[in-house]
């Protein structure tokens, strides 16, 4: 019984955190709250996971939850890795452009200084 309370508190805390960080699309927020709802149902009535597991051909509900969690975590990791690589590429482009602009600015400043000194 204590584990159920702790799990529900964890799901509620996750929902509160999602609610506070509402900078995502409404579709993402609704999807996350739906997943939290499914998690809450699985915590309150764990027999449903056993029934669903048997329907899809898995022996136990706990195994089904673990398989879904592993696939979900892999999806999230691949998604964020792709975003990281994209951001790394953008930072590299910005750094190159900034270096070129600085070099051009310094060159034009030297040219302006040289022409003002020769006058």
C-alpha atoms as a PDB file:
ATOM      1  CA  UNK A   1       0.000   0.000   0.000  1.00  0.00           C
ATOM      2  CA  UNK A   2       2.837   2.412   0.812  1.00  0.00           C
ATOM      3  CA  UNK A   3       4.416   1.833  -2.601  1.00  0.00           C
ATOM      4  CA  UNK A   4       1.161   2.807  -4.304  1.00  0.00           C
ATOM      5  CA  UNK A   5       1.067   6.083  -2.414  1.00  0.00           C
ATOM      6  CA  UNK A   6       4.705   6.771  -3.253  1.00  0.00           C
ATOM      7  CA  UNK A   7       4.190   5.957  -6.922  1.00  0.00           C
ATOM      8  CA  UNK A   8       1.084   8.145  -7.133  1.00  0.00           C
ATOM      9  CA  UNK A   9       2.970  10.981  -5.440  1.00  0.00           C
ATOM     10  CA  UNK A  10       5.776  10.548  -7.974  1.00  0.00           C
ATOM     11  CA  UNK A  11       3.296  10.674 -10.860  1.00  0.00           C
ATOM     12  CA  UNK A  12       1.608  13.731  -9.349  1.00  0.00           C
ATOM     13  CA  UNK A  13       4.976  15.464  -8.943  1.00  0.00           C
ATOM     14  CA  UNK A  14       5.805  14.691 -12.563  1.00  0.00           C
ATOM     15  CA  UNK A  15       2.458  16.109 -13.654  1.00  0.00           C
ATOM     16  CA  UNK A  16       3.037  19.255 -11.597  1.00  0.00           C
ATOM     17  CA  UNK A  17       6.483  19.692 -13.152  1.00  0.00           C
ATOM     18  CA  UNK A  18       4.998  19.293 -16.652  1.00  0.00           C
ATOM     19  CA  UNK A  19       2.292  21.808 -15.755  1.00  0.00           C
ATOM     20  CA  UNK A  20       4.889  24.343 -14.587  1.00  0.00           C
ATOM     21  CA  UNK A  21       6.969  23.917 -17.765  1.00  0.00           C
ATOM     22  CA  UNK A  22       4.126  24.502 -20.222  1.00  0.00           C
ATOM     23  CA  UNK A  23       6.347  25.717 -23.053  1.00  0.00           C
ATOM     24  CA  UNK A  24       5.565  22.693 -25.180  1.00  0.00           C
ATOM     25  CA  UNK A  25       2.833  22.153 -27.729  1.00  0.00           C
ATOM     26  CA  UNK A  26      -0.620  21.336 -26.328  1.00  0.00           C
ATOM     27  CA  UNK A  27      -0.462  17.940 -28.048  1.00  0.00           C
ATOM     28  CA  UNK A  28       2.673  17.038 -26.091  1.00  0.00           C
ATOM     29  CA  UNK A  29       1.142  18.154 -22.803  1.00  0.00           C
ATOM     30  CA  UNK A  30      -2.049  16.166 -23.413  1.00  0.00           C
ATOM     31  CA  UNK A  31       0.004  13.111 -24.377  1.00  0.00           C
ATOM     32  CA  UNK A  32       2.122  13.364 -21.234  1.00  0.00           C
ATOM     33  CA  UNK A  33      -0.914  13.747 -18.993  1.00  0.00           C
ATOM     34  CA  UNK A  34      -2.539  10.764 -20.721  1.00  0.00           C
ATOM     35  CA  UNK A  35       0.575   8.703 -19.998  1.00  0.00           C
ATOM     36  CA  UNK A  36       0.503   9.857 -16.377  1.00  0.00           C
ATOM     37  CA  UNK A  37      -3.152   8.814 -16.206  1.00  0.00           C
ATOM     38  CA  UNK A  38      -2.335   5.379 -17.602  1.00  0.00           C
ATOM     39  CA  UNK A  39       0.455   5.093 -15.041  1.00  0.00           C
ATOM     40  CA  UNK A  40      -1.935   6.044 -12.243  1.00  0.00           C
ATOM     41  CA  UNK A  41      -4.446   3.414 -13.376  1.00  0.00           C
ATOM     42  CA  UNK A  42      -1.660   0.820 -13.485  1.00  0.00           C
ATOM     43  CA  UNK A  43      -0.666   1.763  -9.928  1.00  0.00           C
ATOM     44  CA  UNK A  44      -4.202   1.766  -8.515  1.00  0.00           C
ATOM     45  CA  UNK A  45      -5.444  -1.330 -10.391  1.00  0.00           C
ATOM     46  CA  UNK A  46      -2.351  -3.423 -11.243  1.00  0.00           C
ATOM     47  CA  UNK A  47      -4.497  -6.343 -12.431  1.00  0.00           C
ATOM     48  CA  UNK A  48      -5.259  -4.393 -15.612  1.00  0.00           C
ATOM     49  CA  UNK A  49      -1.629  -4.615 -16.681  1.00  0.00           C
ATOM     50  CA  UNK A  50      -1.793  -8.406 -16.308  1.00  0.00           C
ATOM     51  CA  UNK A  51      -4.919  -8.565 -18.462  1.00  0.00           C
ATOM     52  CA  UNK A  52      -3.403  -6.344 -21.151  1.00  0.00           C
ATOM     53  CA  UNK A  53      -0.161  -8.343 -21.030  1.00  0.00           C
ATOM     54  CA  UNK A  54      -2.034 -11.577 -21.637  1.00  0.00           C
ATOM     55  CA  UNK A  55      -3.887  -9.966 -24.558  1.00  0.00           C
ATOM     56  CA  UNK A  56      -0.651  -8.990 -26.291  1.00  0.00           C
ATOM     57  CA  UNK A  57       1.163 -12.219 -25.482  1.00  0.00           C
ATOM     58  CA  UNK A  58       3.357 -11.253 -22.532  1.00  0.00           C
ATOM     59  CA  UNK A  59       3.355 -13.414 -19.423  1.00  0.00           C
ATOM     60  CA  UNK A  60       3.037 -10.757 -16.700  1.00  0.00           C
ATOM     61  CA  UNK A  61       1.936  -7.151 -16.467  1.00  0.00           C
ATOM     62  CA  UNK A  62       5.218  -6.138 -14.847  1.00  0.00           C
ATOM     63  CA  UNK A  63       7.107  -7.510 -17.857  1.00  0.00           C
ATOM     64  CA  UNK A  64       4.861  -5.568 -20.219  1.00  0.00           C
ATOM     65  CA  UNK A  65       5.451  -2.358 -18.285  1.00  0.00           C
ATOM     66  CA  UNK A  66       9.210  -2.980 -18.362  1.00  0.00           C
ATOM     67  CA  UNK A  67       9.247  -3.659 -22.109  1.00  0.00           C
ATOM     68  CA  UNK A  68       7.252  -0.520 -22.845  1.00  0.00           C
ATOM     69  CA  UNK A  69       9.492   1.517 -20.548  1.00  0.00           C
ATOM     70  CA  UNK A  70      12.671   0.253 -22.230  1.00  0.00           C
ATOM     71  CA  UNK A  71      11.391   1.032 -25.721  1.00  0.00           C
ATOM     72  CA  UNK A  72      10.186   4.458 -24.571  1.00  0.00           C
ATOM     73  CA  UNK A  73      13.522   5.310 -22.966  1.00  0.00           C
ATOM     74  CA  UNK A  74      15.376   4.247 -26.124  1.00  0.00           C
ATOM     75  CA  UNK A  75      13.078   6.448 -28.219  1.00  0.00           C
ATOM     76  CA  UNK A  76      13.678   9.436 -25.944  1.00  0.00           C
ATOM     77  CA  UNK A  77      17.447   8.860 -25.939  1.00  0.00           C
ATOM     78  CA  UNK A  78      17.600   8.687 -29.736  1.00  0.00           C
ATOM     79  CA  UNK A  79      15.387  11.773 -30.015  1.00  0.00           C
ATOM     80  CA  UNK A  80      17.563  13.852 -27.699  1.00  0.00           C
ATOM     81  CA  UNK A  81      20.764  12.563 -29.261  1.00  0.00           C
ATOM     82  CA  UNK A  82      19.535  13.747 -32.665  1.00  0.00           C
ATOM     83  CA  UNK A  83      18.669  17.142 -31.154  1.00  0.00           C
ATOM     84  CA  UNK A  84      22.098  17.336 -29.522  1.00  0.00           C
ATOM     85  CA  UNK A  85      23.876  16.610 -32.805  1.00  0.00           C
ATOM     86  CA  UNK A  86      21.759  19.242 -34.560  1.00  0.00           C
ATOM     87  CA  UNK A  87      22.509  21.830 -31.866  1.00  0.00           C
ATOM     88  CA  UNK A  88      26.205  20.981 -32.020  1.00  0.00           C
ATOM     89  CA  UNK A  89      26.145  21.583 -35.777  1.00  0.00           C
ATOM     90  CA  UNK A  90      24.371  24.930 -35.301  1.00  0.00           C
ATOM     91  CA  UNK A  91      26.856  26.055 -32.636  1.00  0.00           C
ATOM     92  CA  UNK A  92      29.720  25.185 -34.982  1.00  0.00           C
ATOM     93  CA  UNK A  93      28.127  27.248 -37.778  1.00  0.00           C
ATOM     94  CA  UNK A  94      27.530  30.192 -35.454  1.00  0.00           C
ATOM     95  CA  UNK A  95      31.093  30.038 -34.149  1.00  0.00           C
ATOM     96  CA  UNK A  96      32.477  30.087 -37.680  1.00  0.00           C
ATOM     97  CA  UNK A  97      30.277  33.040 -38.645  1.00  0.00           C
ATOM     98  CA  UNK A  98      31.284  34.914 -35.491  1.00  0.00           C
ATOM     99  CA  UNK A  99      34.972  34.302 -36.177  1.00  0.00           C
ATOM    100  CA  UNK A 100      34.589  35.582 -39.739  1.00  0.00           C
ATOM    101  CA  UNK A 101      32.727  38.680 -38.558  1.00  0.00           C
ATOM    102  CA  UNK A 102      35.355  39.410 -35.916  1.00  0.00           C
ATOM    103  CA  UNK A 103      38.150  39.021 -38.443  1.00  0.00           C
ATOM    104  CA  UNK A 104      36.372  41.362 -40.865  1.00  0.00           C
ATOM    105  CA  UNK A 105      35.729  43.897 -38.098  1.00  0.00           C
ATOM    106  CA  UNK A 106      39.343  43.819 -36.946  1.00  0.00           C
ATOM    107  CA  UNK A 107      40.589  44.137 -40.522  1.00  0.00           C
ATOM    108  CA  UNK A 108      38.340  47.121 -41.199  1.00  0.00           C
ATOM    109  CA  UNK A 109      39.389  48.726 -37.887  1.00  0.00           C
ATOM    110  CA  UNK A 110      43.057  48.332 -38.807  1.00  0.00           C
ATOM    111  CA  UNK A 111      42.394  49.778 -42.236  1.00  0.00           C
ATOM    112  CA  UNK A 112      40.552  52.750 -40.701  1.00  0.00           C
ATOM    113  CA  UNK A 113      43.358  53.296 -38.184  1.00  0.00           C
ATOM    114  CA  UNK A 114      46.031  53.111 -40.891  1.00  0.00           C
ATOM    115  CA  UNK A 115      44.222  55.580 -43.191  1.00  0.00           C
ATOM    116  CA  UNK A 116      43.537  58.042 -40.347  1.00  0.00           C
ATOM    117  CA  UNK A 117      47.194  57.947 -39.283  1.00  0.00           C
ATOM    118  CA  UNK A 118      48.456  58.569 -42.816  1.00  0.00           C
ATOM    119  CA  UNK A 119      46.235  61.672 -43.193  1.00  0.00           C
END
